[in-house]
Amino acid sequence: MKKFSKETRKKMSEAKKGSKNPMWGKTKELHPNWNGGSYTYFHQKAKELFGEDVCQKCGLKLEDKESDQVFDMHCWGDWKNLKEDNWGCVCRSCHKKIHKKINDLKF
């Protein structure tokens, strides 16, 4: 590993301070490490990408529901993984069963 003198490190630091920093002012969506910010963001994004009007477990259709609730998105693994095989669109009843592990629910 190359070592720099204290003077060189200070010059390098000064060269990247404030508005000279290429990441200056880049927050949220503009920052390359932005991941959506929260657990809720990924569930909402998955709903936009993979949401359906039919429960993938029991087949209940959204129009058959008595209330105005929407279906839930359930993730099987890492909730930051926005791949279709990691997410399922399920009714609230099936979602509760999945989390309570009443039976082995697979899609």
C-alpha atoms as a PDB file:
ATOM      1  CA  MET A   1       0.000   0.000   0.000  1.00  0.00           C
ATOM      2  CA  LYS A   2       1.336   3.374  -0.976  1.00  0.00           C
ATOM      3  CA  LYS A   3       1.711   5.811   1.900  1.00  0.00           C
ATOM      4  CA  PHE A   4       1.458   9.536   1.463  1.00  0.00           C
ATOM      5  CA  SER A   5       3.104  12.147   3.643  1.00  0.00           C
ATOM      6  CA  LYS A   6       0.946  14.223   5.987  1.00  0.00           C
ATOM      7  CA  GLU A   7       1.457  17.236   3.741  1.00  0.00           C
ATOM      8  CA  THR A   8       0.307  15.324   0.645  1.00  0.00           C
ATOM      9  CA  ARG A   9      -2.737  13.903   2.455  1.00  0.00           C
ATOM     10  CA  LYS A  10      -3.694  17.410   3.585  1.00  0.00           C
ATOM     11  CA  LYS A  11      -3.408  18.747   0.009  1.00  0.00           C
ATOM     12  CA  MET A  12      -5.524  15.855  -1.286  1.00  0.00           C
ATOM     13  CA  SER A  13      -8.137  16.531   1.372  1.00  0.00           C
ATOM     14  CA  GLU A  14      -8.279  20.251   0.605  1.00  0.00           C
ATOM     15  CA  ALA A  15      -8.651  19.528  -3.110  1.00  0.00           C
ATOM     16  CA  LYS A  16     -11.920  17.652  -2.492  1.00  0.00           C
ATOM     17  CA  LYS A  17     -13.623  19.866   0.104  1.00  0.00           C
ATOM     18  CA  GLY A  18     -16.960  21.571  -0.402  1.00  0.00           C
ATOM     19  CA  SER A  19     -18.081  22.286  -3.939  1.00  0.00           C
ATOM     20  CA  LYS A  20     -14.849  20.766  -5.314  1.00  0.00           C
ATOM     21  CA  ASN A  21     -16.084  17.346  -4.209  1.00  0.00           C
ATOM     22  CA  PRO A  22     -17.661  15.479  -7.151  1.00  0.00           C
ATOM     23  CA  MET A  23     -20.422  14.269  -4.799  1.00  0.00           C
ATOM     24  CA  TRP A  24     -21.220  17.807  -3.579  1.00  0.00           C
ATOM     25  CA  GLY A  25     -24.981  18.286  -3.361  1.00  0.00           C
ATOM     26  CA  LYS A  26     -25.807  14.773  -4.529  1.00  0.00           C
ATOM     27  CA  THR A  27     -28.372  13.420  -2.109  1.00  0.00           C
ATOM     28  CA  LYS A  28     -31.122  10.847  -2.278  1.00  0.00           C
ATOM     29  CA  GLU A  29     -31.772   9.762  -5.879  1.00  0.00           C
ATOM     30  CA  LEU A  30     -28.754  11.676  -7.202  1.00  0.00           C
ATOM     31  CA  HIS A  31     -26.305   9.782  -4.984  1.00  0.00           C
ATOM     32  CA  PRO A  32     -24.991   6.530  -6.505  1.00  0.00           C
ATOM     33  CA  ASN A  33     -25.424   4.654  -3.213  1.00  0.00           C
ATOM     34  CA  TRP A  34     -29.088   5.638  -2.828  1.00  0.00           C
ATOM     35  CA  ASN A  35     -31.160   2.529  -2.194  1.00  0.00           C
ATOM     36  CA  GLY A  36     -34.584   4.025  -1.805  1.00  0.00           C
ATOM     37  CA  GLY A  37     -34.212   4.854   1.820  1.00  0.00           C
ATOM     38  CA  SER A  38     -36.420   2.339   3.565  1.00  0.00           C
ATOM     39  CA  TYR A  39     -38.155  -0.997   3.855  1.00  0.00           C
ATOM     40  CA  THR A  40     -41.423   0.644   2.769  1.00  0.00           C
ATOM     41  CA  TYR A  41     -39.835   2.000  -0.406  1.00  0.00           C
ATOM     42  CA  PHE A  42     -38.947  -1.505  -1.627  1.00  0.00           C
ATOM     43  CA  HIS A  43     -42.443  -2.852  -0.889  1.00  0.00           C
ATOM     44  CA  GLN A  44     -43.995   0.039  -2.812  1.00  0.00           C
ATOM     45  CA  LYS A  45     -41.553  -0.368  -5.687  1.00  0.00           C
ATOM     46  CA  ALA A  46     -42.240  -4.127  -5.820  1.00  0.00           C
ATOM     47  CA  LYS A  47     -45.976  -3.395  -5.921  1.00  0.00           C
ATOM     48  CA  GLU A  48     -45.451  -1.077  -8.906  1.00  0.00           C
ATOM     49  CA  LEU A  49     -43.323  -3.684 -10.687  1.00  0.00           C
ATOM     50  CA  PHE A  50     -45.012  -6.981  -9.773  1.00  0.00           C
ATOM     51  CA  GLY A  51     -48.325  -6.108  -8.132  1.00  0.00           C
ATOM     52  CA  GLU A  52     -51.365  -7.921  -9.460  1.00  0.00           C
ATOM     53  CA  ASP A  53     -55.104  -7.850  -8.907  1.00  0.00           C
ATOM     54  CA  VAL A  54     -55.152 -11.570  -8.009  1.00  0.00           C
ATOM     55  CA  CYS A  55     -53.724 -13.224  -4.872  1.00  0.00           C
ATOM     56  CA  GLN A  56     -50.950 -15.528  -6.054  1.00  0.00           C
ATOM     57  CA  LYS A  57     -51.762 -18.033  -3.286  1.00  0.00           C
ATOM     58  CA  CYS A  58     -55.545 -18.393  -3.061  1.00  0.00           C
ATOM     59  CA  GLY A  59     -56.601 -16.775  -6.353  1.00  0.00           C
ATOM     60  CA  LEU A  60     -58.846 -14.127  -4.736  1.00  0.00           C
ATOM     61  CA  LYS A  61     -59.435 -11.268  -7.149  1.00  0.00           C
ATOM     62  CA  LEU A  62     -59.137  -7.684  -6.001  1.00  0.00           C
ATOM     63  CA  GLU A  63     -62.642  -6.899  -7.270  1.00  0.00           C
ATOM     64  CA  ASP A  64     -64.060  -9.788  -5.149  1.00  0.00           C
ATOM     65  CA  LYS A  65     -62.858  -8.215  -1.907  1.00  0.00           C
ATOM     66  CA  GLU A  66     -65.519  -6.559   0.209  1.00  0.00           C
ATOM     67  CA  SER A  67     -63.274  -3.820   1.574  1.00  0.00           C
ATOM     68  CA  ASP A  68     -61.220  -1.263  -0.320  1.00  0.00           C
ATOM     69  CA  GLN A  69     -57.922  -2.725   0.888  1.00  0.00           C
ATOM     70  CA  VAL A  70     -55.173  -3.477  -1.584  1.00  0.00           C
ATOM     71  CA  PHE A  71     -53.097  -6.634  -1.747  1.00  0.00           C
ATOM     72  CA  ASP A  72     -49.812  -6.923   0.133  1.00  0.00           C
ATOM     73  CA  MET A  73     -46.388  -7.577  -1.308  1.00  0.00           C
ATOM     74  CA  HIS A  74     -44.474 -10.365   0.419  1.00  0.00           C
ATOM     75  CA  CYS A  75     -40.746 -10.865  -0.067  1.00  0.00           C
ATOM     76  CA  TRP A  76     -39.148 -14.276   0.301  1.00  0.00           C
ATOM     77  CA  GLY A  77     -35.604 -13.122   0.925  1.00  0.00           C
ATOM     78  CA  ASP A  78     -33.776  -9.834   0.951  1.00  0.00           C
ATOM     79  CA  TRP A  79     -36.354  -7.048   0.652  1.00  0.00           C
ATOM     80  CA  LYS A  80     -33.840  -4.953  -1.304  1.00  0.00           C
ATOM     81  CA  ASN A  81     -33.840  -7.572  -4.069  1.00  0.00           C
ATOM     82  CA  LEU A  82     -36.280  -6.236  -6.667  1.00  0.00           C
ATOM     83  CA  LYS A  83     -36.445  -9.378  -8.782  1.00  0.00           C
ATOM     84  CA  GLU A  84     -39.846 -10.853  -9.553  1.00  0.00           C
ATOM     85  CA  ASP A  85     -39.088 -14.296  -8.097  1.00  0.00           C
ATOM     86  CA  ASN A  86     -38.361 -12.682  -4.711  1.00  0.00           C
ATOM     87  CA  TRP A  87     -41.798 -11.045  -4.421  1.00  0.00           C
ATOM     88  CA  GLY A  88     -45.381 -12.226  -4.309  1.00  0.00           C
ATOM     89  CA  CYS A  89     -48.690 -10.366  -4.409  1.00  0.00           C
ATOM     90  CA  VAL A  90     -51.004 -11.854  -1.783  1.00  0.00           C
ATOM     91  CA  CYS A  91     -54.249 -10.999  -0.034  1.00  0.00           C
ATOM     92  CA  ARG A  92     -54.054  -9.931   3.602  1.00  0.00           C
ATOM     93  CA  SER A  93     -55.328 -13.308   4.843  1.00  0.00           C
ATOM     94  CA  CYS A  94     -52.661 -15.291   2.970  1.00  0.00           C
ATOM     95  CA  HIS A  95     -49.994 -12.807   4.027  1.00  0.00           C
ATOM     96  CA  LYS A  96     -50.850 -13.375   7.696  1.00  0.00           C
ATOM     97  CA  LYS A  97     -50.705 -17.142   7.168  1.00  0.00           C
ATOM     98  CA  ILE A  98     -47.289 -16.844   5.547  1.00  0.00           C
ATOM     99  CA  HIS A  99     -45.919 -14.905   8.504  1.00  0.00           C
ATOM    100  CA  LYS A 100     -47.557 -17.165  11.096  1.00  0.00           C
ATOM    101  CA  LYS A 101     -46.313 -20.221   9.196  1.00  0.00           C
ATOM    102  CA  ILE A 102     -49.716 -21.940   9.463  1.00  0.00           C
ATOM    103  CA  ASN A 103     -48.759 -24.128   6.542  1.00  0.00           C
ATOM    104  CA  ASP A 104     -46.097 -24.296   3.894  1.00  0.00           C
ATOM    105  CA  LEU A 105     -47.237 -21.582   1.492  1.00  0.00           C
ATOM    106  CA  LYS A 106     -45.329 -21.471  -1.751  1.00  0.00           C
ATOM    107  CA  PHE A 107     -46.093 -19.729  -4.986  1.00  0.00           C
END
